Amino acid sequence: MSQKKQILIKLQNIFRIIFDDDSIKLNSNTTAEDIEEWDSLNQIRIILACEKEFLVKLNPREINDFVNIGEMVEHLFSKNVKV
């Protein structure tokens, strides 16, 4: 399995925990508009959970500019996160 796919799976697990919804299925085109509860508070929770899971420091301004989950995966991949 590719590292990007593993990152996506870990992100999906993070989202399922944060939004308390095991039916969430992320793909590279998923956006905040696709998940009803994805607001600014949950955005912060996502960032913090990603930092903890991937042992990386994320810049919230950078993250807020991402258009979709695919950009988040690419960003984490570029930081050589451990999966």
N, C-alpha and C. Protein backbone atom coordinates (compact mmCIF):
# COMPACT_ATOMS: atom_id res chain seq x y z
N MET A 1 0.86 -1.18 0.00
CA MET A 1 0.00 0.00 0.00
C MET A 1 0.90 1.24 0.00
N SER A 2 0.54 2.22 -0.81
CA SER A 2 1.36 3.43 -0.91
C SER A 2 1.26 4.27 0.36
N GLN A 3 2.28 5.08 0.56
CA GLN A 3 2.30 5.94 1.75
C GLN A 3 1.14 6.93 1.71
N LYS A 4 0.82 7.45 0.54
CA LYS A 4 -0.30 8.41 0.44
C LYS A 4 -1.62 7.73 0.81
N LYS A 5 -1.80 6.50 0.40
CA LYS A 5 -3.02 5.76 0.75
C LYS A 5 -3.09 5.53 2.26
N GLN A 6 -1.93 5.21 2.87
CA GLN A 6 -1.89 5.01 4.32
C GLN A 6 -2.20 6.31 5.06
N ILE A 7 -1.71 7.43 4.54
CA ILE A 7 -2.02 8.73 5.15
C ILE A 7 -3.52 8.99 5.07
N LEU A 8 -4.11 8.72 3.91
CA LEU A 8 -5.55 8.93 3.72
C LEU A 8 -6.35 8.07 4.69
N ILE A 9 -5.95 6.84 4.89
CA ILE A 9 -6.65 5.95 5.82
C ILE A 9 -6.56 6.49 7.25
N LYS A 10 -5.37 6.95 7.65
CA LYS A 10 -5.23 7.53 8.99
C LYS A 10 -6.07 8.79 9.14
N LEU A 11 -6.09 9.62 8.10
CA LEU A 11 -6.93 10.82 8.13
C LEU A 11 -8.40 10.44 8.29
N GLN A 12 -8.81 9.44 7.56
CA GLN A 12 -10.21 8.99 7.64
C GLN A 12 -10.53 8.56 9.06
N ASN A 13 -9.63 7.84 9.71
CA ASN A 13 -9.86 7.42 11.10
C ASN A 13 -9.95 8.63 12.03
N ILE A 14 -9.09 9.62 11.80
CA ILE A 14 -9.14 10.85 12.60
C ILE A 14 -10.49 11.52 12.44
N PHE A 15 -10.95 11.65 11.20
CA PHE A 15 -12.24 12.30 10.94
C PHE A 15 -13.39 11.52 11.58
N ARG A 16 -13.33 10.21 11.51
CA ARG A 16 -14.39 9.39 12.11
C ARG A 16 -14.46 9.61 13.61
N ILE A 17 -13.31 9.76 14.26
CA ILE A 17 -13.29 10.00 15.70
C ILE A 17 -13.79 11.41 16.01
N ILE A 18 -13.28 12.40 15.32
CA ILE A 18 -13.65 13.80 15.59
C ILE A 18 -15.14 14.04 15.36
N PHE A 19 -15.65 13.49 14.28
CA PHE A 19 -17.06 13.72 13.95
C PHE A 19 -17.97 12.63 14.48
N ASP A 20 -17.40 11.66 15.20
CA ASP A 20 -18.17 10.56 15.78
C ASP A 20 -19.10 9.93 14.75
N ASP A 21 -18.49 9.58 13.59
CA ASP A 21 -19.27 9.05 12.48
C ASP A 21 -18.42 8.03 11.72
N ASP A 22 -18.68 6.75 11.98
CA ASP A 22 -17.91 5.68 11.33
C ASP A 22 -18.23 5.50 9.86
N SER A 23 -19.22 6.23 9.36
CA SER A 23 -19.58 6.10 7.94
C SER A 23 -18.79 7.06 7.05
N ILE A 24 -17.99 7.95 7.64
CA ILE A 24 -17.21 8.91 6.84
C ILE A 24 -16.21 8.15 5.98
N LYS A 25 -16.24 8.44 4.69
CA LYS A 25 -15.29 7.87 3.75
C LYS A 25 -14.62 9.04 3.02
N LEU A 26 -13.34 9.23 3.29
CA LEU A 26 -12.61 10.32 2.65
C LEU A 26 -12.00 9.87 1.33
N ASN A 27 -11.92 10.80 0.41
CA ASN A 27 -11.13 10.60 -0.80
C ASN A 27 -10.44 11.93 -1.10
N SER A 28 -9.62 11.96 -2.10
CA SER A 28 -8.81 13.16 -2.35
C SER A 28 -9.65 14.38 -2.69
N ASN A 29 -10.90 14.18 -3.10
CA ASN A 29 -11.76 15.30 -3.47
C ASN A 29 -12.68 15.76 -2.35
N THR A 30 -12.64 15.11 -1.19
CA THR A 30 -13.50 15.48 -0.07
C THR A 30 -13.15 16.89 0.41
N THR A 31 -14.18 17.70 0.65
CA THR A 31 -14.00 19.07 1.15
C THR A 31 -14.81 19.26 2.43
N ALA A 32 -14.61 20.41 3.07
CA ALA A 32 -15.36 20.74 4.28
C ALA A 32 -16.87 20.77 3.99
N GLU A 33 -17.23 21.11 2.78
CA GLU A 33 -18.65 21.17 2.43
C GLU A 33 -19.30 19.78 2.41
N ASP A 34 -18.48 18.74 2.30
CA ASP A 34 -19.01 17.38 2.24
C ASP A 34 -19.33 16.80 3.62
N ILE A 35 -18.81 17.44 4.67
CA ILE A 35 -19.03 16.94 6.03
C ILE A 35 -19.71 18.05 6.83
N GLU A 36 -20.97 17.80 7.16
CA GLU A 36 -21.84 18.82 7.74
C GLU A 36 -21.25 19.50 8.98
N GLU A 37 -20.64 18.75 9.86
CA GLU A 37 -20.15 19.30 11.13
C GLU A 37 -18.76 19.93 11.03
N TRP A 38 -18.17 19.97 9.84
CA TRP A 38 -16.81 20.49 9.68
C TRP A 38 -16.83 22.01 9.74
N ASP A 39 -16.59 22.53 10.93
CA ASP A 39 -16.56 23.98 11.15
C ASP A 39 -15.18 24.38 11.65
N SER A 40 -15.02 25.62 12.05
CA SER A 40 -13.69 26.11 12.47
C SER A 40 -13.18 25.40 13.72
N LEU A 41 -14.06 25.08 14.65
CA LEU A 41 -13.64 24.38 15.86
C LEU A 41 -13.15 22.97 15.52
N ASN A 42 -13.90 22.28 14.68
CA ASN A 42 -13.48 20.94 14.28
C ASN A 42 -12.23 20.99 13.39
N GLN A 43 -12.04 22.07 12.68
CA GLN A 43 -10.82 22.25 11.88
C GLN A 43 -9.60 22.24 12.83
N ILE A 44 -9.73 22.93 13.95
CA ILE A 44 -8.64 22.95 14.94
C ILE A 44 -8.42 21.55 15.51
N ARG A 45 -9.50 20.85 15.79
CA ARG A 45 -9.39 19.48 16.30
C ARG A 45 -8.69 18.57 15.28
N ILE A 46 -9.01 18.75 14.01
CA ILE A 46 -8.38 17.96 12.96
C ILE A 46 -6.87 18.23 12.93
N ILE A 47 -6.50 19.50 12.98
CA ILE A 47 -5.08 19.87 12.96
C ILE A 47 -4.34 19.26 14.14
N LEU A 48 -4.91 19.41 15.34
CA LEU A 48 -4.27 18.87 16.54
C LEU A 48 -4.15 17.35 16.48
N ALA A 49 -5.19 16.69 16.00
CA ALA A 49 -5.17 15.23 15.90
C ALA A 49 -4.14 14.78 14.87
N CYS A 50 -4.00 15.51 13.78
CA CYS A 50 -3.01 15.17 12.76
C CYS A 50 -1.60 15.35 13.31
N GLU A 51 -1.39 16.42 14.06
CA GLU A 51 -0.07 16.66 14.65
C GLU A 51 0.30 15.50 15.59
N LYS A 52 -0.65 15.05 16.35
CA LYS A 52 -0.40 13.96 17.30
C LYS A 52 -0.19 12.64 16.55
N GLU A 53 -1.04 12.35 15.60
CA GLU A 53 -0.98 11.07 14.88
C GLU A 53 0.28 10.96 14.01
N PHE A 54 0.62 12.05 13.33
CA PHE A 54 1.73 12.01 12.37
C PHE A 54 3.04 12.59 12.93
N LEU A 55 3.02 13.03 14.20
CA LEU A 55 4.21 13.59 14.84
C LEU A 55 4.84 14.70 13.99
N VAL A 56 4.00 15.68 13.65
CA VAL A 56 4.43 16.77 12.79
C VAL A 56 3.79 18.07 13.28
N LYS A 57 4.43 19.18 13.04
CA LYS A 57 3.86 20.49 13.37
C LYS A 57 3.23 21.05 12.10
N LEU A 58 1.96 21.45 12.20
CA LEU A 58 1.24 21.98 11.05
C LEU A 58 0.93 23.45 11.26
N ASN A 59 1.00 24.21 10.20
CA ASN A 59 0.68 25.63 10.23
C ASN A 59 -0.81 25.78 9.90
N PRO A 60 -1.63 26.21 10.87
CA PRO A 60 -3.08 26.33 10.63
C PRO A 60 -3.43 27.19 9.42
N ARG A 61 -2.68 28.25 9.17
CA ARG A 61 -2.97 29.09 8.00
C ARG A 61 -2.81 28.31 6.71
N GLU A 62 -1.76 27.51 6.65
CA GLU A 62 -1.52 26.68 5.47
C GLU A 62 -2.66 25.68 5.29
N ILE A 63 -3.01 25.02 6.37
CA ILE A 63 -4.06 24.00 6.33
C ILE A 63 -5.40 24.61 5.89
N ASN A 64 -5.71 25.79 6.38
CA ASN A 64 -6.97 26.44 6.04
C ASN A 64 -7.09 26.77 4.56
N ASP A 65 -5.96 26.86 3.87
CA ASP A 65 -5.97 27.17 2.44
C ASP A 65 -6.15 25.95 1.56
N PHE A 66 -6.08 24.75 2.15
CA PHE A 66 -6.26 23.55 1.34
C PHE A 66 -7.68 23.49 0.79
N VAL A 67 -7.78 23.06 -0.45
CA VAL A 67 -9.08 22.98 -1.12
C VAL A 67 -9.78 21.66 -0.78
N ASN A 68 -8.98 20.61 -0.59
CA ASN A 68 -9.58 19.29 -0.36
C ASN A 68 -8.63 18.39 0.42
N ILE A 69 -9.08 17.20 0.73
CA ILE A 69 -8.29 16.24 1.49
C ILE A 69 -7.03 15.83 0.72
N GLY A 70 -7.12 15.79 -0.58
CA GLY A 70 -5.96 15.44 -1.40
C GLY A 70 -4.79 16.37 -1.13
N GLU A 71 -5.07 17.66 -0.96
CA GLU A 71 -4.00 18.61 -0.65
C GLU A 71 -3.42 18.35 0.73
N MET A 72 -4.24 17.94 1.66
CA MET A 72 -3.77 17.61 3.01
C MET A 72 -2.86 16.38 2.94
N VAL A 73 -3.27 15.36 2.19
CA VAL A 73 -2.45 14.16 2.03
C VAL A 73 -1.10 14.53 1.42
N GLU A 74 -1.11 15.34 0.36
CA GLU A 74 0.13 15.75 -0.30
C GLU A 74 1.03 16.52 0.67
N HIS A 75 0.44 17.38 1.47
CA HIS A 75 1.20 18.17 2.43
C HIS A 75 1.87 17.26 3.48
N LEU A 76 1.10 16.32 4.01
CA LEU A 76 1.65 15.40 5.00
C LEU A 76 2.73 14.52 4.36
N PHE A 77 2.48 14.08 3.14
CA PHE A 77 3.46 13.26 2.42
C PHE A 77 4.76 14.03 2.22
N SER A 78 4.65 15.32 1.89
CA SER A 78 5.84 16.14 1.64
C SER A 78 6.66 16.33 2.93
N LYS A 79 6.02 16.15 4.07
CA LYS A 79 6.71 16.30 5.37
C LYS A 79 7.31 14.97 5.83
N ASN A 80 7.22 13.95 4.97
CA ASN A 80 7.78 12.61 5.27
C ASN A 80 7.27 12.05 6.60
N VAL A 81 5.96 12.16 6.81
CA VAL A 81 5.38 11.66 8.06
C VAL A 81 5.49 10.14 8.12
N LYS A 82 5.53 9.63 9.33
CA LYS A 82 5.55 8.19 9.55
C LYS A 82 4.12 7.65 9.53
N VAL A 83 3.93 6.54 8.82
CA VAL A 83 2.59 5.95 8.77
C VAL A 83 2.63 4.50 9.22
